[in-house]
Amino acid sequence: MAECIDSVSISLNASNSEDYDRLCSPIFENAYDEILAFTKKCHELMDDITLSVVSVIGNEEIEKCKRLSDALGVKFRVRNFV
């Protein structure tokens, strides 16, 4: 994968699995944990990884997601809700 692409942006949208399931209604079990695992795997293969959230989740939740991104060693971006 790293030979074909140079960056990955992943929509995190929540700081925990319960909120993620409520907001995103994933069709797969353990989707939130799989997002985090995918993020870690991507970061092992390349440096330019960004986790993002939508601004409507609130400042407290945005800060929690930012701390999670920092802990994973990846970039963080807040997307505006349009």
N, C-alpha and C. Protein backbone atom coordinates (compact mmCIF):
# COMPACT_ATOMS: atom_id res chain seq x y z
N MET A 1 0.82 -1.19 0.00
CA MET A 1 0.00 0.00 0.00
C MET A 1 0.87 1.26 0.00
N ALA A 2 1.92 1.28 0.81
CA ALA A 2 2.75 2.48 0.94
C ALA A 2 3.46 2.84 -0.36
N GLU A 3 3.62 1.88 -1.25
CA GLU A 3 4.26 2.18 -2.53
C GLU A 3 3.32 2.95 -3.47
N CYS A 4 2.03 2.85 -3.22
CA CYS A 4 1.04 3.44 -4.12
C CYS A 4 0.46 4.76 -3.63
N ILE A 5 0.46 4.98 -2.33
CA ILE A 5 -0.11 6.20 -1.77
C ILE A 5 0.87 6.81 -0.77
N ASP A 6 0.74 8.11 -0.55
CA ASP A 6 1.67 8.76 0.37
C ASP A 6 0.99 9.36 1.60
N SER A 7 -0.35 9.30 1.66
CA SER A 7 -1.05 9.79 2.84
C SER A 7 -2.41 9.11 2.96
N VAL A 8 -2.90 9.07 4.21
CA VAL A 8 -4.21 8.48 4.49
C VAL A 8 -4.93 9.38 5.48
N SER A 9 -6.19 9.69 5.20
CA SER A 9 -7.04 10.43 6.12
C SER A 9 -8.19 9.51 6.54
N ILE A 10 -8.38 9.38 7.84
CA ILE A 10 -9.35 8.45 8.39
C ILE A 10 -10.35 9.22 9.24
N SER A 11 -11.63 9.04 8.99
CA SER A 11 -12.68 9.71 9.79
C SER A 11 -12.86 8.97 11.10
N LEU A 12 -12.48 9.61 12.17
CA LEU A 12 -12.61 9.00 13.50
C LEU A 12 -13.98 9.31 14.09
N ASN A 13 -14.32 10.58 14.16
CA ASN A 13 -15.65 11.07 14.53
C ASN A 13 -16.12 10.84 15.95
N ALA A 14 -15.36 10.13 16.77
CA ALA A 14 -15.72 9.93 18.18
C ALA A 14 -14.49 9.45 18.94
N SER A 15 -14.52 9.68 20.26
CA SER A 15 -13.38 9.28 21.07
C SER A 15 -13.54 7.90 21.70
N ASN A 16 -14.69 7.26 21.45
CA ASN A 16 -14.92 5.92 22.01
C ASN A 16 -15.91 5.16 21.14
N SER A 17 -15.96 3.86 21.35
CA SER A 17 -16.78 3.01 20.48
C SER A 17 -18.27 3.25 20.63
N GLU A 18 -18.72 3.54 21.84
CA GLU A 18 -20.16 3.75 22.04
C GLU A 18 -20.65 4.97 21.27
N ASP A 19 -19.92 6.08 21.37
CA ASP A 19 -20.31 7.28 20.64
C ASP A 19 -20.17 7.07 19.14
N TYR A 20 -19.11 6.37 18.74
CA TYR A 20 -18.92 6.10 17.31
C TYR A 20 -20.11 5.30 16.76
N ASP A 21 -20.51 4.26 17.47
CA ASP A 21 -21.65 3.44 17.01
C ASP A 21 -22.93 4.28 16.92
N ARG A 22 -23.14 5.15 17.89
CA ARG A 22 -24.34 5.99 17.91
C ARG A 22 -24.32 6.98 16.74
N LEU A 23 -23.17 7.59 16.49
CA LEU A 23 -23.07 8.61 15.44
C LEU A 23 -23.02 8.03 14.03
N CYS A 24 -22.33 6.93 13.87
CA CYS A 24 -22.03 6.43 12.52
C CYS A 24 -22.84 5.20 12.11
N SER A 25 -23.45 4.53 13.04
CA SER A 25 -24.24 3.32 12.75
C SER A 25 -23.50 2.36 11.82
N PRO A 26 -22.32 1.90 12.25
CA PRO A 26 -21.54 1.01 11.38
C PRO A 26 -22.24 -0.34 11.18
N ILE A 27 -22.01 -0.94 10.04
CA ILE A 27 -22.61 -2.26 9.77
C ILE A 27 -21.72 -3.40 10.25
N PHE A 28 -20.48 -3.08 10.62
CA PHE A 28 -19.55 -4.09 11.09
C PHE A 28 -19.39 -4.01 12.60
N GLU A 29 -19.25 -5.15 13.25
CA GLU A 29 -18.98 -5.18 14.68
C GLU A 29 -17.56 -4.68 14.93
N ASN A 30 -17.38 -4.06 16.08
CA ASN A 30 -16.05 -3.57 16.50
C ASN A 30 -15.44 -2.59 15.50
N ALA A 31 -16.28 -1.83 14.81
CA ALA A 31 -15.78 -0.91 13.78
C ALA A 31 -14.80 0.10 14.35
N TYR A 32 -15.10 0.65 15.51
CA TYR A 32 -14.22 1.66 16.10
C TYR A 32 -12.84 1.09 16.39
N ASP A 33 -12.80 -0.09 17.00
CA ASP A 33 -11.51 -0.73 17.29
C ASP A 33 -10.75 -1.04 16.01
N GLU A 34 -11.47 -1.40 14.97
CA GLU A 34 -10.83 -1.68 13.69
C GLU A 34 -10.27 -0.41 13.05
N ILE A 35 -10.96 0.71 13.25
CA ILE A 35 -10.44 1.99 12.75
C ILE A 35 -9.11 2.30 13.43
N LEU A 36 -9.06 2.10 14.74
CA LEU A 36 -7.81 2.36 15.46
C LEU A 36 -6.71 1.40 15.02
N ALA A 37 -7.05 0.14 14.82
CA ALA A 37 -6.05 -0.84 14.35
C ALA A 37 -5.55 -0.47 12.95
N PHE A 38 -6.46 -0.05 12.08
CA PHE A 38 -6.08 0.37 10.73
C PHE A 38 -5.17 1.59 10.79
N THR A 39 -5.49 2.53 11.67
CA THR A 39 -4.65 3.72 11.84
C THR A 39 -3.24 3.33 12.24
N LYS A 40 -3.12 2.44 13.21
CA LYS A 40 -1.80 1.99 13.68
C LYS A 40 -1.03 1.29 12.56
N LYS A 41 -1.71 0.44 11.82
CA LYS A 41 -1.05 -0.29 10.72
C LYS A 41 -0.58 0.68 9.64
N CYS A 42 -1.42 1.63 9.28
CA CYS A 42 -1.02 2.63 8.29
C CYS A 42 0.20 3.41 8.77
N HIS A 43 0.20 3.77 10.06
CA HIS A 43 1.30 4.56 10.60
C HIS A 43 2.61 3.76 10.61
N GLU A 44 2.53 2.45 10.69
CA GLU A 44 3.72 1.61 10.59
C GLU A 44 4.31 1.67 9.18
N LEU A 45 3.46 1.91 8.19
CA LEU A 45 3.89 1.86 6.78
C LEU A 45 4.23 3.22 6.19
N MET A 46 3.67 4.29 6.76
CA MET A 46 3.92 5.63 6.22
C MET A 46 3.74 6.66 7.33
N ASP A 47 4.25 7.86 7.07
CA ASP A 47 4.23 8.90 8.09
C ASP A 47 3.01 9.81 8.04
N ASP A 48 2.43 10.02 6.88
CA ASP A 48 1.39 11.03 6.72
C ASP A 48 0.00 10.44 6.92
N ILE A 49 -0.37 10.27 8.20
CA ILE A 49 -1.68 9.73 8.57
C ILE A 49 -2.42 10.82 9.35
N THR A 50 -3.69 11.04 9.01
CA THR A 50 -4.50 12.04 9.70
C THR A 50 -5.81 11.40 10.15
N LEU A 51 -6.14 11.60 11.43
CA LEU A 51 -7.46 11.27 11.93
C LEU A 51 -8.28 12.55 11.92
N SER A 52 -9.54 12.45 11.52
CA SER A 52 -10.37 13.65 11.46
C SER A 52 -11.70 13.44 12.16
N VAL A 53 -12.28 14.56 12.56
CA VAL A 53 -13.61 14.57 13.16
C VAL A 53 -14.41 15.71 12.53
N VAL A 54 -15.72 15.65 12.67
CA VAL A 54 -16.59 16.73 12.20
C VAL A 54 -16.84 17.67 13.37
N SER A 55 -16.84 18.96 13.12
CA SER A 55 -16.90 19.98 14.16
C SER A 55 -18.13 19.90 15.06
N VAL A 56 -19.20 19.28 14.62
CA VAL A 56 -20.45 19.28 15.39
C VAL A 56 -20.42 18.39 16.64
N ILE A 57 -19.35 17.63 16.84
CA ILE A 57 -19.32 16.73 18.01
C ILE A 57 -19.01 17.47 19.30
N GLY A 58 -18.65 18.73 19.23
CA GLY A 58 -18.42 19.53 20.43
C GLY A 58 -16.95 19.59 20.82
N ASN A 59 -16.60 20.67 21.51
CA ASN A 59 -15.20 20.93 21.85
C ASN A 59 -14.58 19.88 22.76
N GLU A 60 -15.33 19.40 23.74
CA GLU A 60 -14.80 18.39 24.67
C GLU A 60 -14.47 17.10 23.92
N GLU A 61 -15.37 16.67 23.07
CA GLU A 61 -15.15 15.45 22.29
C GLU A 61 -14.01 15.65 21.28
N ILE A 62 -13.94 16.83 20.68
CA ILE A 62 -12.86 17.12 19.75
C ILE A 62 -11.52 17.02 20.47
N GLU A 63 -11.44 17.56 21.68
CA GLU A 63 -10.19 17.50 22.44
C GLU A 63 -9.81 16.06 22.79
N LYS A 64 -10.78 15.24 23.14
CA LYS A 64 -10.51 13.83 23.42
C LYS A 64 -9.95 13.13 22.18
N CYS A 65 -10.53 13.42 21.03
CA CYS A 65 -10.06 12.82 19.78
C CYS A 65 -8.66 13.32 19.43
N LYS A 66 -8.39 14.58 19.72
CA LYS A 66 -7.05 15.14 19.49
C LYS A 66 -6.03 14.42 20.35
N ARG A 67 -6.36 14.19 21.61
CA ARG A 67 -5.44 13.47 22.51
C ARG A 67 -5.21 12.04 22.01
N LEU A 68 -6.25 11.40 21.50
CA LEU A 68 -6.11 10.06 20.95
C LEU A 68 -5.18 10.07 19.74
N SER A 69 -5.35 11.03 18.86
CA SER A 69 -4.48 11.17 17.69
C SER A 69 -3.03 11.38 18.12
N ASP A 70 -2.84 12.25 19.11
CA ASP A 70 -1.48 12.49 19.63
C ASP A 70 -0.88 11.20 20.18
N ALA A 71 -1.68 10.45 20.92
CA ALA A 71 -1.18 9.19 21.50
C ALA A 71 -0.79 8.19 20.42
N LEU A 72 -1.49 8.23 19.30
CA LEU A 72 -1.18 7.33 18.18
C LEU A 72 -0.05 7.87 17.32
N GLY A 73 0.33 9.12 17.54
CA GLY A 73 1.42 9.73 16.77
C GLY A 73 1.04 10.14 15.36
N VAL A 74 -0.25 10.46 15.17
CA VAL A 74 -0.71 10.86 13.84
C VAL A 74 -1.28 12.27 13.88
N LYS A 75 -1.47 12.87 12.72
CA LYS A 75 -2.03 14.21 12.62
C LYS A 75 -3.51 14.20 12.96
N PHE A 76 -4.04 15.39 13.22
CA PHE A 76 -5.45 15.54 13.57
C PHE A 76 -6.03 16.73 12.83
N ARG A 77 -7.27 16.58 12.38
CA ARG A 77 -7.93 17.65 11.64
C ARG A 77 -9.41 17.68 12.01
N VAL A 78 -9.93 18.88 12.20
CA VAL A 78 -11.36 19.08 12.42
C VAL A 78 -11.97 19.55 11.12
N ARG A 79 -12.96 18.80 10.64
CA ARG A 79 -13.67 19.16 9.41
C ARG A 79 -14.93 19.95 9.78
N ASN A 80 -15.21 21.00 9.05
CA ASN A 80 -16.43 21.77 9.26
C ASN A 80 -17.63 21.02 8.68
N PHE A 81 -18.72 21.04 9.43
CA PHE A 81 -19.95 20.43 8.96
C PHE A 81 -20.60 21.37 7.96
N VAL A 82 -20.88 20.85 6.77
CA VAL A 82 -21.46 21.69 5.71
C VAL A 82 -22.91 21.33 5.51
